C-alpha atoms as a PDB file:
ATOM      1  CA  MET A   1       0.000   0.000   0.000  1.00  0.00           C
ATOM      2  CA  PRO A   2       1.318   3.451  -0.847  1.00  0.00           C
ATOM      3  CA  PHE A   3      -0.178   4.926   2.330  1.00  0.00           C
ATOM      4  CA  THR A   4       0.266   3.998   5.972  1.00  0.00           C
ATOM      5  CA  VAL A   5      -1.793   4.882   9.006  1.00  0.00           C
ATOM      6  CA  SER A   6       0.409   7.920   9.548  1.00  0.00           C
ATOM      7  CA  TYR A   7      -0.869   9.280   6.280  1.00  0.00           C
ATOM      8  CA  ASN A   8      -4.101  10.137   8.116  1.00  0.00           C
ATOM      9  CA  LYS A   9      -2.511  13.471   8.536  1.00  0.00           C
ATOM     10  CA  LEU A  10      -3.529  14.131   4.973  1.00  0.00           C
ATOM     11  CA  VAL A  11      -6.791  15.901   4.370  1.00  0.00           C
ATOM     12  CA  LEU A  12      -9.353  16.494   1.857  1.00  0.00           C
ATOM     13  CA  LEU A  13     -11.004  19.622   1.457  1.00  0.00           C
ATOM     14  CA  ILE A  14     -13.734  19.671   2.051  1.00  0.00           C
ATOM     15  CA  LEU A  15     -16.674  18.701   4.000  1.00  0.00           C
ATOM     16  CA  ALA A  16     -18.794  17.977   7.041  1.00  0.00           C
ATOM     17  CA  LEU A  17     -22.089  18.598   8.607  1.00  0.00           C
ATOM     18  CA  PHE A  18     -24.825  18.376  11.197  1.00  0.00           C
ATOM     19  CA  PHE A  19     -26.072  14.969  12.204  1.00  0.00           C
ATOM     20  CA  ILE A  20     -29.284  14.071  10.417  1.00  0.00           C
ATOM     21  CA  GLY A  21     -30.479  10.516  10.128  1.00  0.00           C
ATOM     22  CA  PRO A  22     -27.641   7.994   9.785  1.00  0.00           C
ATOM     23  CA  PHE A  23     -24.997  10.590   8.921  1.00  0.00           C
ATOM     24  CA  THR A  24     -23.887  14.074   9.815  1.00  0.00           C
ATOM     25  CA  ALA A  25     -24.977  16.644   7.272  1.00  0.00           C
ATOM     26  CA  VAL A  26     -25.413  20.278   6.392  1.00  0.00           C
ATOM     27  CA  SER A  27     -28.124  21.931   8.423  1.00  0.00           C
ATOM     28  CA  LEU A  28     -29.745  25.343   8.496  1.00  0.00           C
ATOM     29  CA  CYS A  29     -28.504  27.570  11.283  1.00  0.00           C
ATOM     30  CA  GLU A  30     -31.326  28.228  13.685  1.00  0.00           C
ATOM     31  CA  GLY A  31     -32.758  31.684  13.403  1.00  0.00           C
ATOM     32  CA  GLN A  32     -31.177  32.509  10.074  1.00  0.00           C
ATOM     33  CA  ASP A  33     -31.401  31.363   6.481  1.00  0.00           C
ATOM     34  CA  ALA A  34     -27.889  29.943   6.320  1.00  0.00           C
ATOM     35  CA  LEU A  35     -26.138  26.635   5.824  1.00  0.00           C
ATOM     36  CA  LEU A  36     -23.299  25.705   8.131  1.00  0.00           C
ATOM     37  CA  PRO A  37     -21.539  22.326   7.851  1.00  0.00           C
ATOM     38  CA  THR A  38     -19.878  20.505  10.737  1.00  0.00           C
ATOM     39  CA  VAL A  39     -17.628  17.414  10.778  1.00  0.00           C
ATOM     40  CA  SER A  40     -18.471  13.972  12.112  1.00  0.00           C
ATOM     41  CA  THR A  41     -15.768  11.314  12.365  1.00  0.00           C
ATOM     42  CA  GLY A  42     -16.505   8.257  10.238  1.00  0.00           C
ATOM     43  CA  LEU A  43     -18.925   9.969   7.863  1.00  0.00           C
ATOM     44  CA  SER A  44     -18.488   8.844   4.249  1.00  0.00           C
ATOM     45  CA  TRP A  45     -20.196   9.539   0.927  1.00  0.00           C
ATOM     46  CA  GLU A  46     -19.712   8.881  -2.779  1.00  0.00           C
ATOM     47  CA  VAL A  47     -19.367  11.523  -5.473  1.00  0.00           C
ATOM     48  CA  SER A  48     -19.696  11.016  -9.225  1.00  0.00           C
ATOM     49  CA  VAL A  49     -17.374  13.137 -11.365  1.00  0.00           C
ATOM     50  CA  GLN A  50     -17.288  13.886 -15.083  1.00  0.00           C
ATOM     51  CA  TYR A  51     -14.394  15.679 -16.749  1.00  0.00           C
ATOM     52  CA  ARG A  52     -14.826  17.963 -19.734  1.00  0.00           C
ATOM     53  CA  SER A  53     -13.861  16.587 -23.133  1.00  0.00           C
ATOM     54  CA  ILE A  54     -13.028  18.571 -26.245  1.00  0.00           C
ATOM     55  CA  THR A  55     -13.673  15.529 -28.438  1.00  0.00           C
ATOM     56  CA  ALA A  56     -16.779  13.848 -26.995  1.00  0.00           C
ATOM     57  CA  LYS A  57     -20.007  14.957 -28.642  1.00  0.00           C
ATOM     58  CA  GLU A  58     -21.706  15.430 -25.295  1.00  0.00           C
ATOM     59  CA  GLY A  59     -18.746  17.404 -24.002  1.00  0.00           C
ATOM     60  CA  TRP A  60     -18.197  15.095 -21.014  1.00  0.00           C
ATOM     61  CA  LEU A  61     -16.249  11.891 -20.417  1.00  0.00           C
ATOM     62  CA  ALA A  62     -17.754   8.853 -18.698  1.00  0.00           C
ATOM     63  CA  PRO A  63     -18.258   9.444 -14.951  1.00  0.00           C
ATOM     64  CA  SER A  64     -15.875   8.231 -12.268  1.00  0.00           C
ATOM     65  CA  ARG A  65     -16.634   7.799  -8.577  1.00  0.00           C
ATOM     66  CA  PHE A  66     -14.726   8.809  -5.462  1.00  0.00           C
ATOM     67  CA  LEU A  67     -15.306   7.928  -1.826  1.00  0.00           C
ATOM     68  CA  TYR A  68     -14.807  10.629   0.817  1.00  0.00           C
ATOM     69  CA  THR A  69     -14.300   9.565   4.444  1.00  0.00           C
ATOM     70  CA  ILE A  70     -13.788  11.807   7.460  1.00  0.00           C
ATOM     71  CA  GLY A  71     -11.054  10.451   9.712  1.00  0.00           C
ATOM     72  CA  PRO A  72     -10.498  11.068  13.428  1.00  0.00           C
ATOM     73  CA  ALA A  73      -9.974  14.712  14.373  1.00  0.00           C
ATOM     74  CA  GLU A  74      -6.348  15.600  15.052  1.00  0.00           C
ATOM     75  CA  GLY A  75      -4.669  18.544  16.716  1.00  0.00           C
ATOM     76  CA  ASP A  76      -4.386  20.514  13.486  1.00  0.00           C
ATOM     77  CA  GLY A  77      -7.930  20.045  12.201  1.00  0.00           C
ATOM     78  CA  GLN A  78     -10.207  17.572  10.466  1.00  0.00           C
ATOM     79  CA  HIS A  79      -8.962  15.152   7.829  1.00  0.00           C
ATOM     80  CA  ILE A  80     -10.914  13.718   4.903  1.00  0.00           C
ATOM     81  CA  GLN A  81      -9.467  10.895   2.860  1.00  0.00           C
ATOM     82  CA  VAL A  82     -10.380  10.301  -0.790  1.00  0.00           C
ATOM     83  CA  SER A  83     -10.312   6.903  -2.508  1.00  0.00           C
ATOM     84  CA  ASP A  84     -10.912   5.991  -6.130  1.00  0.00           C
ATOM     85  CA  GLN A  85     -13.281   3.340  -7.514  1.00  0.00           C
ATOM     86  CA  LYS A  86     -10.742   0.601  -6.765  1.00  0.00           C
ATOM     87  CA  GLY A  87     -10.469   1.641  -3.133  1.00  0.00           C
ATOM     88  CA  THR A  88      -6.986   3.116  -3.568  1.00  0.00           C
ATOM     89  CA  LEU A  89      -6.292   6.142  -1.402  1.00  0.00           C
ATOM     90  CA  ILE A  90      -5.413   8.963  -3.794  1.00  0.00           C
ATOM     91  CA  GLY A  91      -5.637  12.072  -1.665  1.00  0.00           C
ATOM     92  CA  ALA A  92      -6.755  13.821   1.465  1.00  0.00           C
ATOM     93  CA  ILE A  93      -7.905  17.210   2.687  1.00  0.00           C
ATOM     94  CA  ARG A  94      -7.243  19.087   5.897  1.00  0.00           C
ATOM     95  CA  MET A  95      -9.659  21.643   7.265  1.00  0.00           C
ATOM     96  CA  GLU A  96      -9.813  23.681  10.409  1.00  0.00           C
ATOM     97  CA  ASP A  97     -12.914  25.597  11.542  1.00  0.00           C
ATOM     98  CA  LEU A  98     -14.539  24.814   8.165  1.00  0.00           C
ATOM     99  CA  THR A  99     -11.631  26.446   6.322  1.00  0.00           C
ATOM    100  CA  LEU A 100      -9.782  24.388   3.723  1.00  0.00           C
ATOM    101  CA  LEU A 101      -6.054  24.523   4.450  1.00  0.00           C
ATOM    102  CA  GLU A 102      -4.344  21.679   2.565  1.00  0.00           C
ATOM    103  CA  VAL A 103      -4.989  19.123  -0.126  1.00  0.00           C
ATOM    104  CA  ASP A 104      -2.677  16.158  -0.749  1.00  0.00           C
ATOM    105  CA  THR A 105      -2.769  14.142  -3.953  1.00  0.00           C
ATOM    106  CA  LEU A 106      -1.031  10.879  -4.817  1.00  0.00           C
ATOM    107  CA  LYS A 107      -0.478   9.437  -8.262  1.00  0.00           C
ATOM    108  CA  ARG A 108       1.753   6.850  -9.858  1.00  0.00           C
ATOM    109  CA  VAL A 109       4.590   8.175 -12.006  1.00  0.00           C
ATOM    110  CA  ARG A 110       6.830   5.578 -13.668  1.00  0.00           C
ATOM    111  CA  GLY A 111       5.772   3.011 -11.089  1.00  0.00           C
ATOM    112  CA  GLU A 112       6.412   5.261  -8.095  1.00  0.00           C
ATOM    113  CA  TRP A 113       3.856   7.014  -5.910  1.00  0.00           C
ATOM    114  CA  VAL A 114       4.338  10.786  -6.034  1.00  0.00           C
ATOM    115  CA  ARG A 115       2.747  13.009  -3.429  1.00  0.00           C
ATOM    116  CA  LYS A 116       1.938  16.670  -3.956  1.00  0.00           C
ATOM    117  CA  THR A 117       0.607  19.055  -1.341  1.00  0.00           C
ATOM    118  CA  LEU A 118      -1.340  22.226  -2.093  1.00  0.00           C
ATOM    119  CA  PHE A 119      -1.508  24.892   0.618  1.00  0.00           C
ATOM    120  CA  PHE A 120      -4.260  27.510   0.920  1.00  0.00           C
ATOM    121  CA  ASP A 121      -3.287  30.339   3.237  1.00  0.00           C
ATOM    122  CA  GLN A 122      -5.607  33.079   1.976  1.00  0.00           C
ATOM    123  CA  GLU A 123      -9.126  33.564   3.223  1.00  0.00           C
ATOM    124  CA  GLY A 124     -11.663  32.906   0.498  1.00  0.00           C
ATOM    125  CA  PRO A 125     -13.231  30.182  -1.650  1.00  0.00           C
ATOM    126  CA  VAL A 126     -10.972  27.391  -2.914  1.00  0.00           C
ATOM    127  CA  LYS A 127     -11.196  26.000  -6.449  1.00  0.00           C
ATOM    128  CA  THR A 128     -10.159  22.469  -7.364  1.00  0.00           C
ATOM    129  CA  ALA A 129      -6.696  22.333  -8.942  1.00  0.00           C
ATOM    130  CA  GLU A 130      -4.163  19.623  -9.813  1.00  0.00           C
ATOM    131  CA  ALA A 131      -6.352  16.790  -8.523  1.00  0.00           C
ATOM    132  CA  PRO A 132      -8.693  14.256 -10.166  1.00  0.00           C
ATOM    133  CA  PHE A 133     -11.247  14.604  -7.349  1.00  0.00           C
ATOM    134  CA  PRO A 134     -13.218  17.800  -6.653  1.00  0.00           C
ATOM    135  CA  PHE A 135     -12.590  19.927  -3.601  1.00  0.00           C
ATOM    136  CA  ASP A 136     -14.219  23.241  -4.483  1.00  0.00           C
ATOM    137  CA  TRP A 137     -15.017  24.838  -1.138  1.00  0.00           C
ATOM    138  CA  PRO A 138     -16.902  28.068  -0.383  1.00  0.00           C
ATOM    139  CA  VAL A 139     -16.638  30.238   2.717  1.00  0.00           C
ATOM    140  CA  PHE A 140     -19.177  29.317   5.389  1.00  0.00           C
ATOM    141  CA  PRO A 141     -21.751  30.024   6.616  1.00  0.00           C
ATOM    142  CA  LEU A 142     -23.756  30.287   3.409  1.00  0.00           C
ATOM    143  CA  SER A 143     -26.379  32.990   3.867  1.00  0.00           C
ATOM    144  CA  ARG A 144     -29.042  33.545   1.245  1.00  0.00           C
ATOM    145  CA  GLY A 145     -28.696  36.862  -0.575  1.00  0.00           C
ATOM    146  CA  ARG A 146     -25.204  37.519   0.776  1.00  0.00           C
ATOM    147  CA  ILE A 147     -22.414  38.643  -1.547  1.00  0.00           C
ATOM    148  CA  ARG A 148     -18.873  38.620  -0.192  1.00  0.00           C
ATOM    149  CA  GLU A 149     -15.536  39.610  -1.727  1.00  0.00           C
ATOM    150  CA  PHE A 150     -12.161  38.198  -0.740  1.00  0.00           C
ATOM    151  CA  PRO A 151      -8.725  39.526  -1.769  1.00  0.00           C
ATOM    152  CA  ALA A 152      -6.549  37.142  -3.754  1.00  0.00           C
ATOM    153  CA  PHE A 153      -2.917  37.563  -4.734  1.00  0.00           C
ATOM    154  CA  ILE A 154      -1.528  35.938  -7.871  1.00  0.00           C
ATOM    155  CA  ARG A 155       2.106  35.577  -8.879  1.00  0.00           C
ATOM    156  CA  LEU A 156       3.049  37.132 -12.219  1.00  0.00           C
ATOM    157  CA  ASP A 157       5.709  35.863 -14.646  1.00  0.00           C
ATOM    158  CA  ASP A 158       8.183  38.529 -13.560  1.00  0.00           C
ATOM    159  CA  GLY A 159       7.994  37.426  -9.936  1.00  0.00           C
ATOM    160  CA  LEU A 160       5.743  40.260  -8.845  1.00  0.00           C
ATOM    161  CA  THR A 161       2.289  39.742  -7.343  1.00  0.00           C
ATOM    162  CA  ALA A 162      -1.000  41.302  -8.341  1.00  0.00           C
ATOM    163  CA  ARG A 163      -4.005  41.849  -6.115  1.00  0.00           C
ATOM    164  CA  ARG A 164      -7.306  40.470  -7.352  1.00  0.00           C
ATOM    165  CA  PHE A 165     -10.544  39.468  -5.672  1.00  0.00           C
ATOM    166  CA  ILE A 166     -12.941  36.554  -5.581  1.00  0.00           C
ATOM    167  CA  ARG A 167     -16.660  37.200  -5.232  1.00  0.00           C
ATOM    168  CA  GLN A 168     -18.973  34.661  -3.584  1.00  0.00           C
ATOM    169  CA  ASN A 169     -22.691  35.035  -4.217  1.00  0.00           C
ATOM    170  CA  VAL A 170     -25.320  32.937  -2.422  1.00  0.00           C
ATOM    171  CA  GLU A 171     -28.912  32.816  -3.632  1.00  0.00           C
ATOM    172  CA  LYS A 172     -31.946  30.635  -3.163  1.00  0.00           C
ATOM    173  CA  ALA A 173     -32.638  28.057  -5.874  1.00  0.00           C
ATOM    174  CA  ALA A 174     -35.382  25.561  -6.604  1.00  0.00           C
ATOM    175  CA  VAL A 175     -34.816  21.810  -6.759  1.00  0.00           C
ATOM    176  CA  THR A 176     -36.101  21.964 -10.336  1.00  0.00           C
ATOM    177  CA  GLU A 177     -33.090  24.137 -11.243  1.00  0.00           C
ATOM    178  CA  LEU A 178     -30.599  21.379 -10.459  1.00  0.00           C
ATOM    179  CA  PRO A 179     -28.627  20.319 -13.561  1.00  0.00           C
ATOM    180  CA  GLU A 180     -29.552  16.959 -15.096  1.00  0.00           C
ATOM    181  CA  PRO A 181     -26.818  14.738 -13.551  1.00  0.00           C
ATOM    182  CA  ALA A 182     -27.892  15.648 -10.007  1.00  0.00           C
ATOM    183  CA  GLU A 183     -29.452  12.640  -8.284  1.00  0.00           C
ATOM    184  CA  TRP A 184     -30.967  14.326  -5.230  1.00  0.00           C
ATOM    185  CA  LYS A 185     -34.017  15.749  -6.975  1.00  0.00           C
ATOM    186  CA  ASP A 186     -36.069  15.013  -3.849  1.00  0.00           C
ATOM    187  CA  ALA A 187     -33.854  17.089  -1.572  1.00  0.00           C
ATOM    188  CA  LYS A 188     -35.901  18.539   1.266  1.00  0.00           C
ATOM    189  CA  GLY A 189     -35.857  22.101   2.490  1.00  0.00           C
ATOM    190  CA  PRO A 190     -34.276  25.134   0.790  1.00  0.00           C
ATOM    191  CA  VAL A 191     -31.523  24.822  -1.813  1.00  0.00           C
ATOM    192  CA  LEU A 192     -28.791  27.454  -1.903  1.00  0.00           C
ATOM    193  CA  LYS A 193     -26.796  28.135  -5.056  1.00  0.00           C
ATOM    194  CA  VAL A 194     -23.225  29.338  -4.524  1.00  0.00           C
ATOM    195  CA  THR A 195     -21.445  31.098  -7.395  1.00  0.00           C
ATOM    196  CA  CYS A 196     -17.781  32.111  -7.099  1.00  0.00           C
ATOM    197  CA  VAL A 197     -16.155  34.319  -9.752  1.00  0.00           C
ATOM    198  CA  ASP A 198     -12.824  36.093 -10.097  1.00  0.00           C
ATOM    199  CA  SER A 199     -12.058  39.749 -10.799  1.00  0.00           C
ATOM    200  CA  SER A 200     -12.633  39.358 -14.517  1.00  0.00           C
ATOM    201  CA  GLY A 201     -15.989  37.683 -14.028  1.00  0.00           C
ATOM    202  CA  GLY A 202     -14.639  34.231 -14.848  1.00  0.00           C
ATOM    203  CA  ARG A 203     -16.522  31.530 -12.958  1.00  0.00           C
ATOM    204  CA  LEU A 204     -14.439  29.498 -10.519  1.00  0.00           C
ATOM    205  CA  PHE A 205     -17.251  27.156  -9.543  1.00  0.00           C
ATOM    206  CA  ILE A 206     -20.941  26.852  -8.774  1.00  0.00           C
ATOM    207  CA  GLN A 207     -22.499  24.571  -6.180  1.00  0.00           C
ATOM    208  CA  TYR A 208     -25.976  23.701  -4.964  1.00  0.00           C
ATOM    209  CA  TRP A 209     -26.249  22.930  -1.261  1.00  0.00           C
ATOM    210  CA  ALA A 210     -29.351  21.368   0.297  1.00  0.00           C
ATOM    211  CA  GLU A 211     -30.325  20.830   3.892  1.00  0.00           C
ATOM    212  CA  GLY A 212     -29.626  17.396   5.323  1.00  0.00           C
ATOM    213  CA  LEU A 213     -26.909  16.329   2.877  1.00  0.00           C
ATOM    214  CA  PRO A 214     -23.153  15.971   3.499  1.00  0.00           C
ATOM    215  CA  TRP A 215     -21.979  17.393   0.152  1.00  0.00           C
ATOM    216  CA  PRO A 216     -23.233  19.749  -2.550  1.00  0.00           C
ATOM    217  CA  VAL A 217     -26.084  18.153  -4.470  1.00  0.00           C
ATOM    218  CA  TYR A 218     -24.265  19.341  -7.592  1.00  0.00           C
ATOM    219  CA  GLY A 219     -21.120  21.319  -8.413  1.00  0.00           C
ATOM    220  CA  GLU A 220     -19.264  22.421 -11.514  1.00  0.00           C
ATOM    221  CA  ASN A 221     -16.007  24.202 -12.352  1.00  0.00           C
ATOM    222  CA  PRO A 222     -14.258  24.795 -15.718  1.00  0.00           C
ATOM    223  CA  ASP A 223     -12.712  21.297 -15.630  1.00  0.00           C
ATOM    224  CA  MET A 224     -15.374  19.005 -14.188  1.00  0.00           C
ATOM    225  CA  ARG A 225     -18.872  18.565 -12.852  1.00  0.00           C
ATOM    226  CA  TYR A 226     -19.756  16.400  -9.871  1.00  0.00           C
ATOM    227  CA  TRP A 227     -22.752  15.342  -7.812  1.00  0.00           C
ATOM    228  CA  LEU A 228     -23.587  13.475  -4.649  1.00  0.00           C
ATOM    229  CA  VAL A 229     -24.540   9.850  -5.285  1.00  0.00           C
ATOM    230  CA  SER A 230     -28.002   9.103  -3.900  1.00  0.00           C
ATOM    231  CA  ARG A 231     -28.260   6.437  -1.209  1.00  0.00           C
END
């Protein structure tokens, strides 16, 4: 196995929630129209993912599945491990106070397992990058009708940095608005649509969050679309 128990220190961005039914899930904050996830050790869920294709007529490749599992809480936050369809651990996410801090990915290169760690030290939404599994993550709590802007600094070719911003917009949506691949058409309660864009108006990702579920019902970024597998 490429991973050992010590690798639990890895994390996966992303997730968590209030206990509802047999698993912890997102729940509306009492007294306000907002969604606030929390983490429960042992919670797991499956996510279907489709990558964009420039050759396929439909524009999407065949879906793949990933299993997300929240491991025991450690001193530096919560850890979520990600496995592929064969059960091979391919990455993990670390969060603290619902803020995504690190994402580790593992892949085979010339027969050797290569690990890469992405660090996120700026406040603001996080977009999936350099990983086969999605970890788009907004800033919580999600409050209907709230628009927030977060500064972002990018490194230019000449070594200098430029200041940009990321805008997060949260609005109410109907279950009937969910894109076709979404499987949770019978989601109960309000659905909140999260749209994150950069300074130029380019969309980083969109997500639909519903009460009582441990992951966005549906999400999409420029490289992939993904949805929670119904149970």
